C-alpha atoms as a PDB file:
ATOM      1  CA  MET A   1      -4.047 -24.222   0.669  1.00  0.00           C
ATOM      2  CA  ARG A   2      -0.827 -25.164   2.465  1.00  0.00           C
ATOM      3  CA  LEU A   3       1.935 -22.568   2.549  1.00  0.00           C
ATOM      4  CA  ARG A   4       5.492 -23.779   3.191  1.00  0.00           C
ATOM      5  CA  PHE A   5       8.533 -21.567   3.793  1.00  0.00           C
ATOM      6  CA  LYS A   6      11.895 -21.623   5.531  1.00  0.00           C
ATOM      7  CA  ILE A   7      13.107 -19.156   8.167  1.00  0.00           C
ATOM      8  CA  PRO A   8      16.224 -17.543   6.660  1.00  0.00           C
ATOM      9  CA  PRO A   9      19.531 -17.785   8.552  1.00  0.00           C
ATOM     10  CA  GLY A  10      20.702 -14.790  10.561  1.00  0.00           C
ATOM     11  CA  GLY A  11      18.697 -11.783  11.721  1.00  0.00           C
ATOM     12  CA  GLN A  12      15.752 -11.645  14.091  1.00  0.00           C
ATOM     13  CA  PRO A  13      12.641 -13.281  12.561  1.00  0.00           C
ATOM     14  CA  GLY A  14      10.307 -11.924  15.264  1.00  0.00           C
ATOM     15  CA  ARG A  15       7.328 -13.630  16.882  1.00  0.00           C
ATOM     16  CA  LEU A  16       5.946 -16.676  15.100  1.00  0.00           C
ATOM     17  CA  ASP A  17       2.451 -15.199  14.755  1.00  0.00           C
ATOM     18  CA  ALA A  18       3.922 -12.064  13.154  1.00  0.00           C
ATOM     19  CA  VAL A  19       6.042 -14.134  10.750  1.00  0.00           C
ATOM     20  CA  VAL A  20       3.055 -16.291   9.743  1.00  0.00           C
ATOM     21  CA  ALA A  21       0.835 -13.217   9.342  1.00  0.00           C
ATOM     22  CA  GLY A  22       3.349 -11.537   7.036  1.00  0.00           C
ATOM     23  CA  ARG A  23       3.892 -14.579   4.831  1.00  0.00           C
ATOM     24  CA  ALA A  24       0.224 -15.629   4.642  1.00  0.00           C
ATOM     25  CA  GLY A  25      -1.211 -12.129   4.176  1.00  0.00           C
ATOM     26  CA  ILE A  26      -3.437 -12.353   7.245  1.00  0.00           C
ATOM     27  CA  THR A  27      -3.673 -10.431  10.517  1.00  0.00           C
ATOM     28  CA  ARG A  28      -1.619 -11.393  13.572  1.00  0.00           C
ATOM     29  CA  SER A  29      -4.762 -12.391  15.465  1.00  0.00           C
ATOM     30  CA  GLN A  30      -5.744 -14.695  12.595  1.00  0.00           C
ATOM     31  CA  ALA A  31      -2.243 -16.190  12.593  1.00  0.00           C
ATOM     32  CA  LYS A  32      -2.435 -16.731  16.351  1.00  0.00           C
ATOM     33  CA  LYS A  33      -5.739 -18.550  15.932  1.00  0.00           C
ATOM     34  CA  LEU A  34      -4.257 -20.837  13.257  1.00  0.00           C
ATOM     35  CA  ILE A  35      -1.334 -21.666  15.582  1.00  0.00           C
ATOM     36  CA  GLU A  36      -3.681 -22.416  18.477  1.00  0.00           C
ATOM     37  CA  GLU A  37      -5.801 -24.637  16.211  1.00  0.00           C
ATOM     38  CA  GLY A  38      -2.758 -26.673  15.182  1.00  0.00           C
ATOM     39  CA  LYS A  39      -2.822 -25.452  11.599  1.00  0.00           C
ATOM     40  CA  VAL A  40       0.786 -24.267  11.793  1.00  0.00           C
ATOM     41  CA  LEU A  41       3.713 -26.676  11.954  1.00  0.00           C
ATOM     42  CA  MET A  42       7.364 -25.882  12.594  1.00  0.00           C
ATOM     43  CA  ASP A  43       9.664 -28.681  11.446  1.00  0.00           C
ATOM     44  CA  GLY A  44       6.574 -30.893  11.413  1.00  0.00           C
ATOM     45  CA  ILE A  45       5.587 -30.143  15.021  1.00  0.00           C
ATOM     46  CA  PRO A  46       2.838 -27.771  16.245  1.00  0.00           C
ATOM     47  CA  PRO A  47       4.544 -24.915  18.158  1.00  0.00           C
ATOM     48  CA  SER A  48       3.665 -24.520  21.820  1.00  0.00           C
ATOM     49  CA  LYS A  49       2.892 -20.806  21.659  1.00  0.00           C
ATOM     50  CA  ALA A  50       2.177 -18.097  19.134  1.00  0.00           C
ATOM     51  CA  GLY A  51       4.615 -15.636  20.677  1.00  0.00           C
ATOM     52  CA  GLY A  52       7.671 -17.857  20.397  1.00  0.00           C
ATOM     53  CA  ARG A  53      10.505 -16.980  18.033  1.00  0.00           C
ATOM     54  CA  PRO A  54      11.226 -19.562  15.312  1.00  0.00           C
ATOM     55  CA  ARG A  55      14.831 -20.642  14.946  1.00  0.00           C
ATOM     56  CA  ALA A  56      16.811 -19.881  11.811  1.00  0.00           C
ATOM     57  CA  GLY A  57      16.459 -22.652   9.229  1.00  0.00           C
ATOM     58  CA  ALA A  58      13.160 -23.938  10.603  1.00  0.00           C
ATOM     59  CA  VAL A  59      10.589 -25.054   8.013  1.00  0.00           C
ATOM     60  CA  VAL A  60       7.150 -23.583   8.676  1.00  0.00           C
ATOM     61  CA  GLU A  61       3.948 -24.975   7.165  1.00  0.00           C
ATOM     62  CA  VAL A  62       0.668 -23.104   7.357  1.00  0.00           C
ATOM     63  CA  GLU A  63      -2.786 -24.325   6.406  1.00  0.00           C
ATOM     64  CA  VAL A  64      -4.099 -21.070   4.929  1.00  0.00           C
ATOM     65  CA  PRO A  65      -7.870 -20.563   4.889  1.00  0.00           C
ATOM     66  CA  GLY A  66      -9.512 -19.152   1.789  1.00  0.00           C
ATOM     67  CA  PRO A  67     -11.714 -16.064   1.749  1.00  0.00           C
ATOM     68  CA  GLU A  68     -15.034 -16.189   3.594  1.00  0.00           C
ATOM     69  CA  ALA A  69     -17.595 -17.874   1.375  1.00  0.00           C
ATOM     70  CA  GLY A  70     -20.100 -15.408   0.006  1.00  0.00           C
ATOM     71  CA  GLY A  71     -18.378 -12.512   1.755  1.00  0.00           C
ATOM     72  CA  LEU A  72     -17.147 -10.792  -1.408  1.00  0.00           C
ATOM     73  CA  LEU A  73     -19.713 -10.127  -4.117  1.00  0.00           C
ATOM     74  CA  PRO A  74     -19.099  -8.985  -7.706  1.00  0.00           C
ATOM     75  CA  GLU A  75     -20.527  -5.563  -8.589  1.00  0.00           C
ATOM     76  CA  PRO A  76     -20.788  -3.906 -12.043  1.00  0.00           C
ATOM     77  CA  ILE A  77     -18.707  -0.842 -11.150  1.00  0.00           C
ATOM     78  CA  ASP A  78     -16.564   1.073 -13.655  1.00  0.00           C
ATOM     79  CA  LEU A  79     -12.909   0.185 -13.177  1.00  0.00           C
ATOM     80  CA  ASP A  80      -9.862   1.182 -15.220  1.00  0.00           C
ATOM     81  CA  VAL A  81      -8.078  -2.145 -15.726  1.00  0.00           C
ATOM     82  CA  ARG A  82      -4.710  -1.432 -17.319  1.00  0.00           C
ATOM     83  CA  TYR A  83      -3.617  -5.071 -17.690  1.00  0.00           C
ATOM     84  CA  MET A  84      -5.117  -8.454 -16.902  1.00  0.00           C
ATOM     85  CA  ASP A  85      -4.269 -12.079 -17.600  1.00  0.00           C
ATOM     86  CA  ASP A  86      -5.048 -15.372 -15.864  1.00  0.00           C
ATOM     87  CA  TYR A  87      -2.649 -14.551 -13.043  1.00  0.00           C
ATOM     88  CA  LEU A  88      -2.933 -10.875 -12.088  1.00  0.00           C
ATOM     89  CA  ALA A  89      -4.580  -7.529 -12.786  1.00  0.00           C
ATOM     90  CA  VAL A  90      -3.194  -4.001 -12.760  1.00  0.00           C
ATOM     91  CA  VAL A  91      -5.815  -1.343 -12.078  1.00  0.00           C
ATOM     92  CA  ASP A  92      -5.796   2.466 -11.925  1.00  0.00           C
ATOM     93  CA  LYS A  93      -7.757   3.296  -8.768  1.00  0.00           C
ATOM     94  CA  PRO A  94      -9.861   6.486  -8.682  1.00  0.00           C
ATOM     95  CA  ALA A  95     -10.178   8.800  -5.688  1.00  0.00           C
ATOM     96  CA  GLY A  96     -12.850   7.866  -3.175  1.00  0.00           C
ATOM     97  CA  MET A  97     -12.744   4.121  -3.846  1.00  0.00           C
ATOM     98  CA  VAL A  98     -11.852   1.750  -1.004  1.00  0.00           C
ATOM     99  CA  VAL A  99      -9.684  -1.207  -2.031  1.00  0.00           C
ATOM    100  CA  TYR A 100     -11.469  -4.006  -0.138  1.00  0.00           C
ATOM    101  CA  PRO A 101     -14.543  -4.427   2.086  1.00  0.00           C
ATOM    102  CA  ALA A 102     -14.226  -3.389   5.716  1.00  0.00           C
ATOM    103  CA  ALA A 103     -16.407  -1.877   8.415  1.00  0.00           C
ATOM    104  CA  GLY A 104     -18.405   0.930   6.838  1.00  0.00           C
ATOM    105  CA  HIS A 105     -17.465  -0.109   3.291  1.00  0.00           C
ATOM    106  CA  ARG A 106     -19.040  -3.489   2.583  1.00  0.00           C
ATOM    107  CA  LYS A 107     -19.834  -2.687  -1.047  1.00  0.00           C
ATOM    108  CA  GLY A 108     -18.539  -0.537  -3.871  1.00  0.00           C
ATOM    109  CA  THR A 109     -14.887  -1.442  -3.382  1.00  0.00           C
ATOM    110  CA  LEU A 110     -12.184  -2.068  -5.946  1.00  0.00           C
ATOM    111  CA  LEU A 111     -12.299  -5.813  -5.231  1.00  0.00           C
ATOM    112  CA  ASN A 112     -16.064  -5.937  -5.754  1.00  0.00           C
ATOM    113  CA  ALA A 113     -15.555  -4.255  -9.132  1.00  0.00           C
ATOM    114  CA  LEU A 114     -12.609  -6.473 -10.113  1.00  0.00           C
ATOM    115  CA  LEU A 115     -14.472  -9.654  -9.173  1.00  0.00           C
ATOM    116  CA  TYR A 116     -17.183  -8.653 -11.648  1.00  0.00           C
ATOM    117  CA  ARG A 117     -14.578  -8.077 -14.377  1.00  0.00           C
ATOM    118  CA  THR A 118     -12.901 -11.457 -13.802  1.00  0.00           C
ATOM    119  CA  GLY A 119     -16.173 -13.387 -13.760  1.00  0.00           C
ATOM    120  CA  GLY A 120     -15.634 -14.385 -10.141  1.00  0.00           C
ATOM    121  CA  LYS A 121     -11.997 -15.453 -10.474  1.00  0.00           C
ATOM    122  CA  HIS A 122      -9.785 -14.517  -7.520  1.00  0.00           C
ATOM    123  CA  ALA A 123      -6.867 -15.843  -5.512  1.00  0.00           C
ATOM    124  CA  GLY A 124      -7.610 -18.321  -2.752  1.00  0.00           C
ATOM    125  CA  VAL A 125      -5.202 -16.705  -0.306  1.00  0.00           C
ATOM    126  CA  GLY A 126      -4.995 -13.371   1.450  1.00  0.00           C
ATOM    127  CA  ALA A 127      -6.871 -12.073   4.456  1.00  0.00           C
ATOM    128  CA  PRO A 128     -10.650 -12.670   4.498  1.00  0.00           C
ATOM    129  CA  LEU A 129     -12.463 -10.301   2.123  1.00  0.00           C
ATOM    130  CA  ARG A 130      -9.208  -9.219   0.441  1.00  0.00           C
ATOM    131  CA  PRO A 131      -7.986 -12.210  -1.593  1.00  0.00           C
ATOM    132  CA  GLY A 132      -4.930 -11.503  -3.729  1.00  0.00           C
ATOM    133  CA  VAL A 133      -4.243  -8.068  -2.247  1.00  0.00           C
ATOM    134  CA  VAL A 134      -0.493  -7.615  -1.673  1.00  0.00           C
ATOM    135  CA  HIS A 135      -0.554  -3.830  -1.222  1.00  0.00           C
ATOM    136  CA  ARG A 136      -3.168  -1.107  -1.066  1.00  0.00           C
ATOM    137  CA  LEU A 137      -3.811   2.574  -1.629  1.00  0.00           C
ATOM    138  CA  ASP A 138      -5.702   4.831   0.767  1.00  0.00           C
ATOM    139  CA  LYS A 139      -9.284   5.706  -0.164  1.00  0.00           C
ATOM    140  CA  ASP A 140      -8.342   9.186  -1.377  1.00  0.00           C
ATOM    141  CA  THR A 141      -5.064   8.213  -3.053  1.00  0.00           C
ATOM    142  CA  THR A 142      -5.274   7.488  -6.769  1.00  0.00           C
ATOM    143  CA  GLY A 143      -3.194   5.368  -9.097  1.00  0.00           C
ATOM    144  CA  LEU A 144      -1.782   1.976  -9.933  1.00  0.00           C
ATOM    145  CA  MET A 145      -2.218  -1.258  -8.007  1.00  0.00           C
ATOM    146  CA  VAL A 146      -1.471  -4.899  -8.801  1.00  0.00           C
ATOM    147  CA  ILE A 147      -3.728  -7.679  -7.498  1.00  0.00           C
ATOM    148  CA  ALA A 148      -3.059 -11.411  -7.754  1.00  0.00           C
ATOM    149  CA  LEU A 149      -5.776 -13.598  -9.265  1.00  0.00           C
ATOM    150  CA  GLU A 150      -4.306 -16.933  -8.186  1.00  0.00           C
ATOM    151  CA  ASP A 151      -2.197 -18.234  -5.330  1.00  0.00           C
ATOM    152  CA  ARG A 152       1.196 -18.737  -6.995  1.00  0.00           C
ATOM    153  CA  THR A 153       1.129 -15.159  -8.245  1.00  0.00           C
ATOM    154  CA  TYR A 154       0.126 -13.855  -4.818  1.00  0.00           C
ATOM    155  CA  TYR A 155       3.174 -15.376  -3.142  1.00  0.00           C
ATOM    156  CA  GLY A 156       5.448 -14.307  -6.003  1.00  0.00           C
ATOM    157  CA  LEU A 157       4.331 -10.692  -5.725  1.00  0.00           C
ATOM    158  CA  LEU A 158       4.547 -10.825  -1.937  1.00  0.00           C
ATOM    159  CA  GLU A 159       8.180 -11.894  -2.197  1.00  0.00           C
ATOM    160  CA  GLN A 160       8.952  -8.977  -4.511  1.00  0.00           C
ATOM    161  CA  PHE A 161       7.409  -6.536  -2.051  1.00  0.00           C
ATOM    162  CA  LYS A 162       9.409  -8.079   0.795  1.00  0.00           C
ATOM    163  CA  SER A 163      12.656  -7.930  -1.192  1.00  0.00           C
ATOM    164  CA  ARG A 164      11.824  -4.333  -2.243  1.00  0.00           C
ATOM    165  CA  SER A 165      12.251  -5.132  -5.929  1.00  0.00           C
ATOM    166  CA  ILE A 166       8.840  -3.648  -6.808  1.00  0.00           C
ATOM    167  CA  ARG A 167       9.236  -0.237  -8.480  1.00  0.00           C
ATOM    168  CA  ARG A 168       6.745   2.339  -7.203  1.00  0.00           C
ATOM    169  CA  GLU A 169       6.764   6.065  -7.779  1.00  0.00           C
ATOM    170  CA  TYR A 170       4.217   8.568  -6.497  1.00  0.00           C
ATOM    171  CA  ALA A 171       3.485  12.144  -7.523  1.00  0.00           C
ATOM    172  CA  ALA A 172       2.630  14.373  -4.573  1.00  0.00           C
ATOM    173  CA  LEU A 173       1.737  18.041  -4.317  1.00  0.00           C
ATOM    174  CA  VAL A 174       3.155  19.180  -0.987  1.00  0.00           C
ATOM    175  CA  TRP A 175       3.053  22.428   0.952  1.00  0.00           C
ATOM    176  CA  GLY A 176       6.079  24.729   0.756  1.00  0.00           C
ATOM    177  CA  GLU A 177       9.218  24.957  -1.343  1.00  0.00           C
ATOM    178  CA  MET A 178      11.728  22.154  -0.780  1.00  0.00           C
ATOM    179  CA  LYS A 179      15.176  23.398   0.257  1.00  0.00           C
ATOM    180  CA  GLU A 180      16.929  20.758  -1.843  1.00  0.00           C
ATOM    181  CA  GLU A 181      16.227  19.354  -5.295  1.00  0.00           C
ATOM    182  CA  GLU A 182      16.217  15.776  -4.046  1.00  0.00           C
ATOM    183  CA  GLY A 183      16.678  13.816  -0.866  1.00  0.00           C
ATOM    184  CA  VAL A 184      15.890  10.762   1.237  1.00  0.00           C
ATOM    185  CA  ILE A 185      13.611  10.636   4.272  1.00  0.00           C
ATOM    186  CA  SER A 186      14.637   7.797   6.570  1.00  0.00           C
ATOM    187  CA  LEU A 187      12.457   8.002   9.676  1.00  0.00           C
ATOM    188  CA  ARG A 188      10.865   5.050  11.438  1.00  0.00           C
ATOM    189  CA  ILE A 189       7.062   4.916  11.375  1.00  0.00           C
ATOM    190  CA  GLY A 190       4.709   3.466  13.963  1.00  0.00           C
ATOM    191  CA  ARG A 191       1.402   4.125  15.674  1.00  0.00           C
ATOM    192  CA  SER A 192       0.986   7.612  17.111  1.00  0.00           C
ATOM    193  CA  ARG A 193       1.347   7.776  20.887  1.00  0.00           C
ATOM    194  CA  THR A 194      -1.687  10.061  21.152  1.00  0.00           C
ATOM    195  CA  ASP A 195      -3.994   8.760  18.401  1.00  0.00           C
ATOM    196  CA  ARG A 196      -3.959   5.060  17.547  1.00  0.00           C
ATOM    197  CA  LYS A 197      -5.710   5.728  14.238  1.00  0.00           C
ATOM    198  CA  LYS A 198      -2.753   7.754  13.004  1.00  0.00           C
ATOM    199  CA  MET A 199       0.830   6.877  12.146  1.00  0.00           C
ATOM    200  CA  SER A 200       3.812   8.922  13.287  1.00  0.00           C
ATOM    201  CA  THR A 201       7.596   9.217  13.122  1.00  0.00           C
ATOM    202  CA  ARG A 202       7.508  10.033  16.847  1.00  0.00           C
ATOM    203  CA  THR A 203       7.011   6.532  18.127  1.00  0.00           C
ATOM    204  CA  SER A 204       8.906   4.197  20.405  1.00  0.00           C
ATOM    205  CA  ARG A 205       8.256   1.049  18.335  1.00  0.00           C
ATOM    206  CA  GLY A 206       8.398   2.248  14.742  1.00  0.00           C
ATOM    207  CA  LYS A 207       9.509   0.233  11.725  1.00  0.00           C
ATOM    208  CA  GLU A 208      12.156   1.266   9.236  1.00  0.00           C
ATOM    209  CA  ALA A 209      10.726   3.505   6.515  1.00  0.00           C
ATOM    210  CA  VAL A 210      12.635   5.013   3.586  1.00  0.00           C
ATOM    211  CA  THR A 211      11.284   7.455   0.998  1.00  0.00           C
ATOM    212  CA  SER A 212      13.490   8.967  -1.712  1.00  0.00           C
ATOM    213  CA  TRP A 213      12.220  12.037  -3.533  1.00  0.00           C
ATOM    214  CA  ARG A 214      13.052  14.655  -6.142  1.00  0.00           C
ATOM    215  CA  VAL A 215      11.387  17.948  -7.049  1.00  0.00           C
ATOM    216  CA  ALA A 216       9.603  18.006 -10.415  1.00  0.00           C
ATOM    217  CA  GLU A 217       8.197  21.547 -10.118  1.00  0.00           C
ATOM    218  CA  SER A 218       8.399  24.271  -7.480  1.00  0.00           C
ATOM    219  CA  PHE A 219       6.159  27.285  -6.825  1.00  0.00           C
ATOM    220  CA  ARG A 220       6.765  30.336  -4.627  1.00  0.00           C
ATOM    221  CA  PHE A 221       3.414  32.167  -4.429  1.00  0.00           C
ATOM    222  CA  PRO A 222       1.794  30.203  -2.918  1.00  0.00           C
ATOM    223  CA  ALA A 223       4.629  27.990  -1.745  1.00  0.00           C
ATOM    224  CA  ALA A 224       4.142  24.447  -3.003  1.00  0.00           C
ATOM    225  CA  SER A 225       6.099  21.667  -4.712  1.00  0.00           C
ATOM    226  CA  LEU A 226       5.345  18.775  -7.013  1.00  0.00           C
ATOM    227  CA  VAL A 227       7.589  15.938  -5.858  1.00  0.00           C
ATOM    228  CA  LEU A 228       8.140  12.447  -7.223  1.00  0.00           C
ATOM    229  CA  ALA A 229       8.641   9.976  -4.396  1.00  0.00           C
ATOM    230  CA  ARG A 230       9.883   6.389  -4.517  1.00  0.00           C
ATOM    231  CA  LEU A 231       9.204   3.929  -1.737  1.00  0.00           C
ATOM    232  CA  GLY A 232      12.043   1.907  -0.270  1.00  0.00           C
ATOM    233  CA  THR A 233       9.580   0.395   2.195  1.00  0.00           C
ATOM    234  CA  GLY A 234       5.808   0.127   2.321  1.00  0.00           C
ATOM    235  CA  ARG A 235       4.572   1.414   5.662  1.00  0.00           C
ATOM    236  CA  THR A 236       1.024   2.583   6.287  1.00  0.00           C
ATOM    237  CA  HIS A 237       0.575   6.223   5.141  1.00  0.00           C
ATOM    238  CA  GLN A 238       4.345   6.362   4.566  1.00  0.00           C
ATOM    239  CA  ILE A 239       4.552   9.255   2.089  1.00  0.00           C
ATOM    240  CA  ARG A 240       1.943  11.302   3.919  1.00  0.00           C
ATOM    241  CA  VAL A 241       3.639  10.813   7.299  1.00  0.00           C
ATOM    242  CA  HIS A 242       7.179  11.339   6.015  1.00  0.00           C
ATOM    243  CA  PHE A 243       6.484  14.624   4.233  1.00  0.00           C
ATOM    244  CA  ALA A 244       4.395  15.926   7.124  1.00  0.00           C
ATOM    245  CA  SER A 245       7.270  15.114   9.490  1.00  0.00           C
ATOM    246  CA  ILE A 246       9.673  17.392   7.573  1.00  0.00           C
ATOM    247  CA  GLY A 247       7.208  20.274   7.381  1.00  0.00           C
ATOM    248  CA  HIS A 248       5.869  19.626   3.870  1.00  0.00           C
ATOM    249  CA  PRO A 249       2.520  17.853   4.297  1.00  0.00           C
ATOM    250  CA  VAL A 250       0.660  16.610   1.234  1.00  0.00           C
ATOM    251  CA  LEU A 251      -1.856  19.252   0.153  1.00  0.00           C
ATOM    252  CA  GLY A 252      -5.427  18.297   1.023  1.00  0.00           C
ATOM    253  CA  ASP A 253      -4.373  15.729   3.640  1.00  0.00           C
ATOM    254  CA  ARG A 254      -6.917  16.228   6.417  1.00  0.00           C
ATOM    255  CA  THR A 255      -5.198  13.756   8.723  1.00  0.00           C
ATOM    256  CA  TYR A 256      -1.542  14.801   8.632  1.00  0.00           C
ATOM    257  CA  GLY A 257      -1.576  18.268   7.086  1.00  0.00           C
ATOM    258  CA  ARG A 258      -4.982  19.981   7.060  1.00  0.00           C
ATOM    259  CA  LYS A 259      -3.894  22.355   4.259  1.00  0.00           C
ATOM    260  CA  THR A 260      -7.147  22.064   2.310  1.00  0.00           C
ATOM    261  CA  SER A 261      -7.060  25.280   0.272  1.00  0.00           C
ATOM    262  CA  LEU A 262      -4.625  27.669  -1.410  1.00  0.00           C
ATOM    263  CA  GLU A 263      -4.804  31.445  -1.821  1.00  0.00           C
ATOM    264  CA  ILE A 264      -3.864  32.181  -5.426  1.00  0.00           C
ATOM    265  CA  GLU A 265      -3.974  35.804  -6.609  1.00  0.00           C
ATOM    266  CA  GLY A 266      -6.759  36.658  -4.181  1.00  0.00           C
ATOM    267  CA  ARG A 267      -8.763  33.526  -5.029  1.00  0.00           C
ATOM    268  CA  LYS A 268      -9.240  30.592  -2.690  1.00  0.00           C
ATOM    269  CA  ILE A 269      -8.640  27.265  -4.448  1.00  0.00           C
ATOM    270  CA  GLN A 270     -10.120  24.294  -2.611  1.00  0.00           C
ATOM    271  CA  ILE A 271      -8.071  21.092  -2.444  1.00  0.00           C
ATOM    272  CA  PRO A 272     -10.637  18.270  -2.776  1.00  0.00           C
ATOM    273  CA  ARG A 273      -8.507  15.455  -1.335  1.00  0.00           C
ATOM    274  CA  GLN A 274      -4.941  14.517  -0.536  1.00  0.00           C
ATOM    275  CA  MET A 275      -2.892  15.272  -3.661  1.00  0.00           C
ATOM    276  CA  LEU A 276      -1.155  11.893  -3.889  1.00  0.00           C
ATOM    277  CA  HIS A 277      -1.063   9.666  -6.981  1.00  0.00           C
ATOM    278  CA  ALA A 278       0.660   6.302  -7.598  1.00  0.00           C
ATOM    279  CA  ARG A 279       1.991   7.153 -11.057  1.00  0.00           C
ATOM    280  CA  LEU A 280       4.398   4.289 -11.767  1.00  0.00           C
ATOM    281  CA  LEU A 281       4.376   0.582 -10.982  1.00  0.00           C
ATOM    282  CA  GLY A 282       6.918  -1.963 -12.199  1.00  0.00           C
ATOM    283  CA  PHE A 283       7.539  -5.608 -11.306  1.00  0.00           C
ATOM    284  CA  THR A 284       8.492  -9.010 -12.669  1.00  0.00           C
ATOM    285  CA  HIS A 285       5.507 -11.165 -13.599  1.00  0.00           C
ATOM    286  CA  PRO A 286       5.727 -14.071 -11.102  1.00  0.00           C
ATOM    287  CA  VAL A 287       4.647 -16.658 -13.688  1.00  0.00           C
ATOM    288  CA  THR A 288       5.832 -15.471 -17.129  1.00  0.00           C
ATOM    289  CA  ARG A 289       8.917 -13.672 -15.680  1.00  0.00           C
ATOM    290  CA  GLU A 290       8.198 -10.768 -18.023  1.00  0.00           C
ATOM    291  CA  THR A 291       9.225  -7.298 -16.844  1.00  0.00           C
ATOM    292  CA  LEU A 292       6.083  -5.155 -16.625  1.00  0.00           C
ATOM    293  CA  GLU A 293       5.924  -1.403 -16.039  1.00  0.00           C
ATOM    294  CA  PHE A 294       2.925   0.893 -16.091  1.00  0.00           C
ATOM    295  CA  GLU A 295       2.457   4.649 -15.850  1.00  0.00           C
ATOM    296  CA  SER A 296      -0.654   6.613 -14.982  1.00  0.00           C
ATOM    297  CA  PRO A 297      -1.252  10.292 -15.825  1.00  0.00           C
ATOM    298  CA  LEU A 298      -2.264  12.696 -13.075  1.00  0.00           C
ATOM    299  CA  PRO A 299      -6.008  12.604 -12.359  1.00  0.00           C
ATOM    300  CA  SER A 300      -7.992  15.695 -13.339  1.00  0.00           C
ATOM    301  CA  ASP A 301      -8.477  17.082  -9.813  1.00  0.00           C
ATOM    302  CA  MET A 302      -4.740  17.006  -9.192  1.00  0.00           C
ATOM    303  CA  SER A 303      -3.791  18.403 -12.603  1.00  0.00           C
ATOM    304  CA  ASP A 304      -6.350  21.225 -12.118  1.00  0.00           C
ATOM    305  CA  VAL A 305      -4.652  22.349  -8.890  1.00  0.00           C
ATOM    306  CA  LEU A 306      -1.263  22.047 -10.547  1.00  0.00           C
ATOM    307  CA  GLU A 307      -2.434  24.190 -13.482  1.00  0.00           C
ATOM    308  CA  GLU A 308      -3.608  26.909 -11.083  1.00  0.00           C
ATOM    309  CA  LEU A 309      -0.160  26.899  -9.483  1.00  0.00           C
ATOM    310  CA  ARG A 310       1.497  27.164 -12.874  1.00  0.00           C
ATOM    311  CA  LYS A 311      -0.662  30.164 -13.806  1.00  0.00           C
ATOM    312  CA  SER A 312       0.392  31.950 -10.593  1.00  0.00           C
ATOM    313  CA  ALA A 313       4.046  31.433 -11.469  1.00  0.00           C
ATOM    314  CA  VAL A 314       3.783  33.223 -14.830  1.00  0.00           C
END
């Protein structure tokens, strides 16, 4: 499929390979390869280098490859599909499920399960092995996701994510009592200087990241809070990193918090995973233009921990 877009006036568009990667839903290395192979045109001419910066107003055309043939196989796995039509699907992801195949997780993913439900229908664009995926949830984060089933929808959803018009709210159980009832965390996020597998707010090349939050419930013994967080941006591990950076890591987060149990009235309550749930998702259907909004109740493992906290507060 050929993707065509125009570089908006003003601002700094960044390197061409980064711009192409963001618009086509592929990695920067894949974008660089397409540029080197002559599959990217800027104002009808192949650019001389992948690292150049496109001028404002330039028209970019990209010959986007489809997913690897035979690389993604349908599997009869239980999946909570909240909505599906010919264009997109909204699913409620359980804990422990990876969104798309990758090293160490070739099978049993959400996409394998969804491909079975759609009878093999999927978008023709997106990075290899993740067609139609415009956002993702971590393996141990639960909740709502939208996945495009055809190309027009993919680009329409991608534009809504870029313009930040997608409505996303997460419920998170975090360590400690919040000092305020609501607030905004605006700290740039990038790769950790000491561990490239982790993200951090202490980075020299971070990207803008904004998380607004409000307290839904607060507990003193042990100190914990149920917060509802809305994303202004969509950085990797954003909520987990942001709350850890202000001293309130998500309970059960073994990467950024390590608070994996609570002492409640002399009993140790184990936290099975990071207590983070994508509870609300709203967007405009790219084809029908209908306003869609979905809500997901807390999963049982999270509501069980919350109930123990409520008992301690009585």
